[in-house]
PDB file of N, CA and C in Angstrom:
ATOM      1  N   MET A   1     -19.886 -34.362   0.182  1.00  0.00           N
ATOM      2  CA  MET A   1     -19.281 -35.652  -0.101  1.00  0.00           C
ATOM      3  C   MET A   1     -18.434 -36.061   1.093  1.00  0.00           C
ATOM      4  N   GLY A   2     -18.477 -37.337   1.429  1.00  0.00           N
ATOM      5  CA  GLY A   2     -17.673 -37.863   2.523  1.00  0.00           C
ATOM      6  C   GLY A   2     -16.290 -38.279   2.046  1.00  0.00           C
ATOM      7  N   VAL A   3     -15.417 -38.514   3.008  1.00  0.00           N
ATOM      8  CA  VAL A   3     -14.029 -38.852   2.673  1.00  0.00           C
ATOM      9  C   VAL A   3     -13.935 -40.176   1.919  1.00  0.00           C
ATOM     10  N   LYS A   4     -14.748 -41.158   2.268  1.00  0.00           N
ATOM     11  CA  LYS A   4     -14.687 -42.440   1.553  1.00  0.00           C
ATOM     12  C   LYS A   4     -15.080 -42.278   0.095  1.00  0.00           C
ATOM     13  N   ASP A   5     -16.107 -41.459  -0.153  1.00  0.00           N
ATOM     14  CA  ASP A   5     -16.512 -41.208  -1.532  1.00  0.00           C
ATOM     15  C   ASP A   5     -15.416 -40.463  -2.291  1.00  0.00           C
ATOM     16  N   ALA A   6     -14.770 -39.516  -1.635  1.00  0.00           N
ATOM     17  CA  ALA A   6     -13.694 -38.750  -2.277  1.00  0.00           C
ATOM     18  C   ALA A   6     -12.518 -39.653  -2.631  1.00  0.00           C
ATOM     19  N   VAL A   7     -12.165 -40.575  -1.731  1.00  0.00           N
ATOM     20  CA  VAL A   7     -11.060 -41.507  -1.995  1.00  0.00           C
ATOM     21  C   VAL A   7     -11.402 -42.395  -3.194  1.00  0.00           C
ATOM     22  N   ALA A   8     -12.594 -42.962  -3.188  1.00  0.00           N
ATOM     23  CA  ALA A   8     -12.996 -43.829  -4.293  1.00  0.00           C
ATOM     24  C   ALA A   8     -13.034 -43.043  -5.597  1.00  0.00           C
ATOM     25  N   ARG A   9     -13.596 -41.851  -5.569  1.00  0.00           N
ATOM     26  CA  ARG A   9     -13.684 -41.024  -6.772  1.00  0.00           C
ATOM     27  C   ARG A   9     -12.291 -40.696  -7.317  1.00  0.00           C
ATOM     28  N   ARG A  10     -11.362 -40.407  -6.410  1.00  0.00           N
ATOM     29  CA  ARG A  10      -9.990 -40.062  -6.833  1.00  0.00           C
ATOM     30  C   ARG A  10      -9.315 -41.255  -7.508  1.00  0.00           C
ATOM     31  N   PHE A  11      -9.455 -42.458  -6.932  1.00  0.00           N
ATOM     32  CA  PHE A  11      -8.859 -43.631  -7.568  1.00  0.00           C
ATOM     33  C   PHE A  11      -9.506 -43.907  -8.922  1.00  0.00           C
ATOM     34  N   LEU A  12     -10.817 -43.769  -8.998  1.00  0.00           N
ATOM     35  CA  LEU A  12     -11.500 -43.982 -10.270  1.00  0.00           C
ATOM     36  C   LEU A  12     -11.052 -42.946 -11.302  1.00  0.00           C
ATOM     37  N   GLN A  13     -10.819 -41.721 -10.873  1.00  0.00           N
ATOM     38  CA  GLN A  13     -10.330 -40.670 -11.764  1.00  0.00           C
ATOM     39  C   GLN A  13      -8.954 -41.034 -12.325  1.00  0.00           C
ATOM     40  N   ILE A  14      -8.047 -41.431 -11.429  1.00  0.00           N
ATOM     41  CA  ILE A  14      -6.685 -41.787 -11.857  1.00  0.00           C
ATOM     42  C   ILE A  14      -6.719 -42.994 -12.794  1.00  0.00           C
ATOM     43  N   CYS A  15      -7.514 -43.992 -12.441  1.00  0.00           N
ATOM     44  CA  CYS A  15      -7.620 -45.176 -13.298  1.00  0.00           C
ATOM     45  C   CYS A  15      -8.176 -44.805 -14.666  1.00  0.00           C
ATOM     46  N   GLY A  16      -9.164 -43.928 -14.691  1.00  0.00           N
ATOM     47  CA  GLY A  16      -9.728 -43.479 -15.962  1.00  0.00           C
ATOM     48  C   GLY A  16      -8.706 -42.756 -16.818  1.00  0.00           C
ATOM     49  N   GLU A  17      -7.907 -41.904 -16.188  1.00  0.00           N
ATOM     50  CA  GLU A  17      -6.863 -41.165 -16.913  1.00  0.00           C
ATOM     51  C   GLU A  17      -5.827 -42.105 -17.513  1.00  0.00           C
ATOM     52  N   ARG A  18      -5.580 -43.215 -16.834  1.00  0.00           N
ATOM     53  CA  ARG A  18      -4.544 -44.162 -17.277  1.00  0.00           C
ATOM     54  C   ARG A  18      -5.123 -45.377 -17.998  1.00  0.00           C
ATOM     55  N   ASN A  19      -6.428 -45.387 -18.198  1.00  0.00           N
ATOM     56  CA  ASN A  19      -7.109 -46.525 -18.831  1.00  0.00           C
ATOM     57  C   ASN A  19      -6.818 -47.835 -18.106  1.00  0.00           C
ATOM     58  N   ILE A  20      -6.933 -47.797 -16.781  1.00  0.00           N
ATOM     59  CA  ILE A  20      -6.690 -48.967 -15.937  1.00  0.00           C
ATOM     60  C   ILE A  20      -8.025 -49.429 -15.363  1.00  0.00           C
ATOM     61  N   THR A  21      -8.296 -50.716 -15.469  1.00  0.00           N
ATOM     62  CA  THR A  21      -9.508 -51.271 -14.877  1.00  0.00           C
ATOM     63  C   THR A  21      -9.281 -51.531 -13.382  1.00  0.00           C
ATOM     64  N   THR A  22     -10.364 -51.820 -12.693  1.00  0.00           N
ATOM     65  CA  THR A  22     -10.258 -52.141 -11.264  1.00  0.00           C
ATOM     66  C   THR A  22      -9.411 -53.386 -11.053  1.00  0.00           C
ATOM     67  N   ASN A  23      -9.562 -54.380 -11.912  1.00  0.00           N
ATOM     68  CA  ASN A  23      -8.735 -55.589 -11.806  1.00  0.00           C
ATOM     69  C   ASN A  23      -7.262 -55.266 -12.014  1.00  0.00           C
ATOM     70  N   GLU A  24      -6.955 -54.414 -12.973  1.00  0.00           N
ATOM     71  CA  GLU A  24      -5.562 -54.034 -13.215  1.00  0.00           C
ATOM     72  C   GLU A  24      -4.997 -53.264 -12.025  1.00  0.00           C
ATOM     73  N   LEU A  25      -5.810 -52.391 -11.434  1.00  0.00           N
ATOM     74  CA  LEU A  25      -5.370 -51.666 -10.242  1.00  0.00           C
ATOM     75  C   LEU A  25      -5.039 -52.646  -9.126  1.00  0.00           C
ATOM     76  N   ALA A  26      -5.875 -53.633  -8.931  1.00  0.00           N
ATOM     77  CA  ALA A  26      -5.626 -54.646  -7.910  1.00  0.00           C
ATOM     78  C   ALA A  26      -4.316 -55.377  -8.182  1.00  0.00           C
ATOM     79  N   ASN A  27      -4.108 -55.803  -9.427  1.00  0.00           N
ATOM     80  CA  ASN A  27      -2.888 -56.527  -9.780  1.00  0.00           C
ATOM     81  C   ASN A  27      -1.644 -55.670  -9.586  1.00  0.00           C
ATOM     82  N   LEU A  28      -1.710 -54.409 -10.005  1.00  0.00           N
ATOM     83  CA  LEU A  28      -0.569 -53.500  -9.836  1.00  0.00           C
ATOM     84  C   LEU A  28      -0.242 -53.269  -8.363  1.00  0.00           C
ATOM     85  N   SER A  29      -1.282 -53.339  -7.531  1.00  0.00           N
ATOM     86  CA  SER A  29      -1.147 -52.985  -6.119  1.00  0.00           C
ATOM     87  C   SER A  29      -0.894 -54.180  -5.204  1.00  0.00           C
ATOM     88  N   GLY A  30      -0.993 -55.380  -5.755  1.00  0.00           N
ATOM     89  CA  GLY A  30      -0.764 -56.569  -4.941  1.00  0.00           C
ATOM     90  C   GLY A  30      -1.905 -56.878  -3.984  1.00  0.00           C
ATOM     91  N   VAL A  31      -3.110 -56.481  -4.357  1.00  0.00           N
ATOM     92  CA  VAL A  31      -4.288 -56.817  -3.550  1.00  0.00           C
ATOM     93  C   VAL A  31      -5.230 -57.646  -4.411  1.00  0.00           C
ATOM     94  N   THR A  32      -6.165 -58.301  -3.771  1.00  0.00           N
ATOM     95  CA  THR A  32      -7.122 -59.103  -4.523  1.00  0.00           C
ATOM     96  C   THR A  32      -8.128 -58.185  -5.217  1.00  0.00           C
ATOM     97  N   PRO A  33      -8.660 -58.629  -6.336  1.00  0.00           N
ATOM     98  CA  PRO A  33      -9.700 -57.834  -6.992  1.00  0.00           C
ATOM     99  C   PRO A  33     -10.890 -57.552  -6.072  1.00  0.00           C
ATOM    100  N   SER A  34     -11.238 -58.503  -5.213  1.00  0.00           N
ATOM    101  CA  SER A  34     -12.368 -58.274  -4.306  1.00  0.00           C
ATOM    102  C   SER A  34     -12.084 -57.124  -3.344  1.00  0.00           C
ATOM    103  N   THR A  35     -10.825 -56.962  -2.933  1.00  0.00           N
ATOM    104  CA  THR A  35     -10.448 -55.833  -2.078  1.00  0.00           C
ATOM    105  C   THR A  35     -10.641 -54.523  -2.830  1.00  0.00           C
ATOM    106  N   ALA A  36     -10.200 -54.492  -4.078  1.00  0.00           N
ATOM    107  CA  ALA A  36     -10.351 -53.278  -4.886  1.00  0.00           C
ATOM    108  C   ALA A  36     -11.823 -52.946  -5.107  1.00  0.00           C
ATOM    109  N   TYR A  37     -12.613 -53.954  -5.454  1.00  0.00           N
ATOM    110  CA  TYR A  37     -14.033 -53.708  -5.695  1.00  0.00           C
ATOM    111  C   TYR A  37     -14.759 -53.281  -4.418  1.00  0.00           C
ATOM    112  N   SER A  38     -14.393 -53.865  -3.281  1.00  0.00           N
ATOM    113  CA  SER A  38     -15.076 -53.487  -2.041  1.00  0.00           C
ATOM    114  C   SER A  38     -14.748 -52.055  -1.642  1.00  0.00           C
ATOM    115  N   MET A  39     -13.594 -51.573  -2.053  1.00  0.00           N
ATOM    116  CA  MET A  39     -13.206 -50.200  -1.745  1.00  0.00           C
ATOM    117  C   MET A  39     -13.899 -49.210  -2.677  1.00  0.00           C
ATOM    118  N   LEU A  40     -14.097 -49.587  -3.898  1.00  0.00           N
ATOM    119  CA  LEU A  40     -14.651 -48.666  -4.886  1.00  0.00           C
ATOM    120  C   LEU A  40     -16.166 -48.772  -5.035  1.00  0.00           C
ATOM    121  N   ASP A  41     -16.771 -49.816  -4.497  1.00  0.00           N
ATOM    122  CA  ASP A  41     -18.216 -50.026  -4.592  1.00  0.00           C
ATOM    123  C   ASP A  41     -18.948 -49.043  -3.686  1.00  0.00           C
ATOM    124  N   LYS A  42     -19.878 -48.288  -4.250  1.00  0.00           N
ATOM    125  CA  LYS A  42     -20.617 -47.274  -3.486  1.00  0.00           C
ATOM    126  C   LYS A  42     -21.328 -47.851  -2.269  1.00  0.00           C
ATOM    127  N   LYS A  43     -21.805 -49.065  -2.376  1.00  0.00           N
ATOM    128  CA  LYS A  43     -22.570 -49.654  -1.273  1.00  0.00           C
ATOM    129  C   LYS A  43     -21.681 -50.131  -0.135  1.00  0.00           C
ATOM    130  N   ARG A  44     -20.428 -50.455  -0.418  1.00  0.00           N
ATOM    131  CA  ARG A  44     -19.561 -51.006   0.626  1.00  0.00           C
ATOM    132  C   ARG A  44     -18.522 -50.009   1.113  1.00  0.00           C
ATOM    133  N   ARG A  45     -17.742 -49.431   0.219  1.00  0.00           N
ATOM    134  CA  ARG A  45     -16.715 -48.443   0.570  1.00  0.00           C
ATOM    135  C   ARG A  45     -15.869 -48.886   1.766  1.00  0.00           C
ATOM    136  N   ASP A  46     -15.371 -50.124   1.681  1.00  0.00           N
ATOM    137  CA  ASP A  46     -14.506 -50.665   2.728  1.00  0.00           C
ATOM    138  C   ASP A  46     -13.092 -50.153   2.487  1.00  0.00           C
ATOM    139  N   ILE A  47     -12.767 -49.003   3.088  1.00  0.00           N
ATOM    140  CA  ILE A  47     -11.505 -48.318   2.813  1.00  0.00           C
ATOM    141  C   ILE A  47     -10.585 -48.367   4.027  1.00  0.00           C
ATOM    142  N   SER A  48      -9.331 -48.743   3.771  1.00  0.00           N
ATOM    143  CA  SER A  48      -8.327 -48.702   4.830  1.00  0.00           C
ATOM    144  C   SER A  48      -7.131 -47.906   4.321  1.00  0.00           C
ATOM    145  N   VAL A  49      -6.414 -47.313   5.243  1.00  0.00           N
ATOM    146  CA  VAL A  49      -5.242 -46.517   4.878  1.00  0.00           C
ATOM    147  C   VAL A  49      -4.189 -47.406   4.225  1.00  0.00           C
ATOM    148  N   ILE A  50      -4.050 -48.615   4.701  1.00  0.00           N
ATOM    149  CA  ILE A  50      -3.058 -49.529   4.130  1.00  0.00           C
ATOM    150  C   ILE A  50      -3.382 -49.834   2.665  1.00  0.00           C
ATOM    151  N   THR A  51      -4.658 -50.044   2.360  1.00  0.00           N
ATOM    152  CA  THR A  51      -5.038 -50.310   0.977  1.00  0.00           C
ATOM    153  C   THR A  51      -4.838 -49.072   0.114  1.00  0.00           C
ATOM    154  N   VAL A  52      -5.144 -47.898   0.642  1.00  0.00           N
ATOM    155  CA  VAL A  52      -4.891 -46.663  -0.101  1.00  0.00           C
ATOM    156  C   VAL A  52      -3.406 -46.567  -0.445  1.00  0.00           C
ATOM    157  N   LYS A  53      -2.551 -46.860   0.512  1.00  0.00           N
ATOM    158  CA  LYS A  53      -1.100 -46.827   0.291  1.00  0.00           C
ATOM    159  C   LYS A  53      -0.688 -47.842  -0.776  1.00  0.00           C
ATOM    160  N   LYS A  54      -1.240 -49.045  -0.710  1.00  0.00           N
ATOM    161  CA  LYS A  54      -0.917 -50.075  -1.704  1.00  0.00           C
ATOM    162  C   LYS A  54      -1.342 -49.639  -3.095  1.00  0.00           C
ATOM    163  N   PHE A  55      -2.525 -49.042  -3.210  1.00  0.00           N
ATOM    164  CA  PHE A  55      -2.991 -48.550  -4.509  1.00  0.00           C
ATOM    165  C   PHE A  55      -2.067 -47.455  -5.021  1.00  0.00           C
ATOM    166  N   CYS A  56      -1.674 -46.546  -4.147  1.00  0.00           N
ATOM    167  CA  CYS A  56      -0.759 -45.479  -4.557  1.00  0.00           C
ATOM    168  C   CYS A  56       0.567 -46.055  -5.032  1.00  0.00           C
ATOM    169  N   ASP A  57       1.092 -47.022  -4.288  1.00  0.00           N
ATOM    170  CA  ASP A  57       2.337 -47.676  -4.699  1.00  0.00           C
ATOM    171  C   ASP A  57       2.183 -48.327  -6.072  1.00  0.00           C
ATOM    172  N   GLY A  58       1.068 -49.020  -6.268  1.00  0.00           N
ATOM    173  CA  GLY A  58       0.815 -49.675  -7.550  1.00  0.00           C
ATOM    174  C   GLY A  58       0.711 -48.691  -8.703  1.00  0.00           C
ATOM    175  N   LEU A  59       0.210 -47.501  -8.413  1.00  0.00           N
ATOM    176  CA  LEU A  59       0.069 -46.467  -9.438  1.00  0.00           C
ATOM    177  C   LEU A  59       1.326 -45.622  -9.599  1.00  0.00           C
ATOM    178  N   GLY A  60       2.287 -45.833  -8.692  1.00  0.00           N
ATOM    179  CA  GLY A  60       3.537 -45.080  -8.757  1.00  0.00           C
ATOM    180  C   GLY A  60       3.392 -43.636  -8.313  1.00  0.00           C
ATOM    181  N   ILE A  61       2.493 -43.398  -7.358  1.00  0.00           N
ATOM    182  CA  ILE A  61       2.317 -42.045  -6.823  1.00  0.00           C
ATOM    183  C   ILE A  61       2.437 -42.093  -5.301  1.00  0.00           C
ATOM    184  N   THR A  62       2.731 -40.945  -4.718  1.00  0.00           N
ATOM    185  CA  THR A  62       2.822 -40.868  -3.263  1.00  0.00           C
ATOM    186  C   THR A  62       1.446 -40.580  -2.682  1.00  0.00           C
ATOM    187  N   LEU A  63       1.324 -40.794  -1.380  1.00  0.00           N
ATOM    188  CA  LEU A  63       0.083 -40.430  -0.707  1.00  0.00           C
ATOM    189  C   LEU A  63      -0.177 -38.929  -0.844  1.00  0.00           C
ATOM    190  N   GLY A  64       0.891 -38.137  -0.770  1.00  0.00           N
ATOM    191  CA  GLY A  64       0.756 -36.692  -0.927  1.00  0.00           C
ATOM    192  C   GLY A  64       0.198 -36.315  -2.287  1.00  0.00           C
ATOM    193  N   GLU A  65       0.695 -36.976  -3.333  1.00  0.00           N
ATOM    194  CA  GLU A  65       0.181 -36.714  -4.676  1.00  0.00           C
ATOM    195  C   GLU A  65      -1.284 -37.123  -4.783  1.00  0.00           C
ATOM    196  N   PHE A  66      -1.616 -38.246  -4.168  1.00  0.00           N
ATOM    197  CA  PHE A  66      -2.998 -38.732  -4.220  1.00  0.00           C
ATOM    198  C   PHE A  66      -3.947 -37.739  -3.561  1.00  0.00           C
ATOM    199  N   PHE A  67      -3.582 -37.297  -2.358  1.00  0.00           N
ATOM    200  CA  PHE A  67      -4.476 -36.422  -1.597  1.00  0.00           C
ATOM    201  C   PHE A  67      -4.384 -34.955  -2.019  1.00  0.00           C
ATOM    202  N   SER A  68      -3.435 -34.616  -2.885  1.00  0.00           N
ATOM    203  CA  SER A  68      -3.305 -33.245  -3.382  1.00  0.00           C
ATOM    204  C   SER A  68      -4.270 -33.062  -4.551  1.00  0.00           C
ATOM    205  N   SER A  69      -5.535 -33.009  -4.211  1.00  0.00           N
ATOM    206  CA  SER A  69      -6.591 -32.903  -5.201  1.00  0.00           C
ATOM    207  C   SER A  69      -7.715 -32.060  -4.613  1.00  0.00           C
ATOM    208  N   PRO A  70      -8.355 -31.233  -5.418  1.00  0.00           N
ATOM    209  CA  PRO A  70      -9.425 -30.375  -4.908  1.00  0.00           C
ATOM    210  C   PRO A  70     -10.551 -31.147  -4.202  1.00  0.00           C
ATOM    211  N   GLU A  71     -10.727 -32.409  -4.552  1.00  0.00           N
ATOM    212  CA  GLU A  71     -11.794 -33.208  -3.931  1.00  0.00           C
ATOM    213  C   GLU A  71     -11.630 -33.312  -2.421  1.00  0.00           C
ATOM    214  N   PHE A  72     -10.410 -33.189  -1.937  1.00  0.00           N
ATOM    215  CA  PHE A  72     -10.166 -33.337  -0.502  1.00  0.00           C
ATOM    216  C   PHE A  72     -10.138 -32.012   0.239  1.00  0.00           C
ATOM    217  N   ASP A  73     -10.217 -30.908  -0.491  1.00  0.00           N
ATOM    218  CA  ASP A  73     -10.102 -29.604   0.138  1.00  0.00           C
ATOM    219  C   ASP A  73     -11.359 -29.143   0.877  1.00  0.00           C
ATOM    220  N   ASP A  74     -12.514 -29.519   0.399  1.00  0.00           N
ATOM    221  CA  ASP A  74     -13.756 -29.018   0.967  1.00  0.00           C
ATOM    222  C   ASP A  74     -14.675 -30.127   1.478  1.00  0.00           C
ATOM    223  N   LEU A  75     -14.108 -31.166   2.045  1.00  0.00           N
ATOM    224  CA  LEU A  75     -14.924 -32.256   2.558  1.00  0.00           C
ATOM    225  C   LEU A  75     -15.726 -31.811   3.767  1.00  0.00           C
ATOM    226  N   GLU A  76     -16.899 -32.371   3.885  1.00  0.00           N
ATOM    227  CA  GLU A  76     -17.733 -32.095   5.048  1.00  0.00           C
ATOM    228  C   GLU A  76     -17.192 -32.824   6.256  1.00  0.00           C
ATOM    229  N   GLN A  77     -17.525 -32.327   7.419  1.00  0.00           N
ATOM    230  CA  GLN A  77     -17.114 -32.997   8.657  1.00  0.00           C
ATOM    231  C   GLN A  77     -17.804 -34.350   8.747  1.00  0.00           C
ATOM    232  N   GLU A  78     -17.041 -35.360   9.113  1.00  0.00           N
ATOM    233  CA  GLU A  78     -17.583 -36.705   9.266  1.00  0.00           C
ATOM    234  C   GLU A  78     -18.211 -36.821  10.657  1.00  0.00           C
ATOM    235  N   ILE A  79     -19.494 -37.083  10.696  1.00  0.00           N
ATOM    236  CA  ILE A  79     -20.189 -37.236  11.974  1.00  0.00           C
ATOM    237  C   ILE A  79     -20.703 -38.658  12.045  1.00  0.00           C
ATOM    238  N   ILE A  80     -20.362 -39.323  13.110  1.00  0.00           N
ATOM    239  CA  ILE A  80     -20.759 -40.729  13.256  1.00  0.00           C
ATOM    240  C   ILE A  80     -21.949 -40.830  14.172  1.00  0.00           C
TER     241      ILE A  80
END
């Protein structure tokens, strides 16, 4: 799994645990719904660190808490 997939999966996991939709995540985070969908959509995965931070802020968690998940421990090397 790549890092973009891991980030999207982690946000979807947290949203599922809290019963939050993608639109609600966007509203909590102060981003447009299209930004949230473009980040979580498998075909686009338009991910930026700033948006990750905004989502974490909206969810009331730190970046450290977000990335402290087994999904990030065994990621494959990203080769471009």
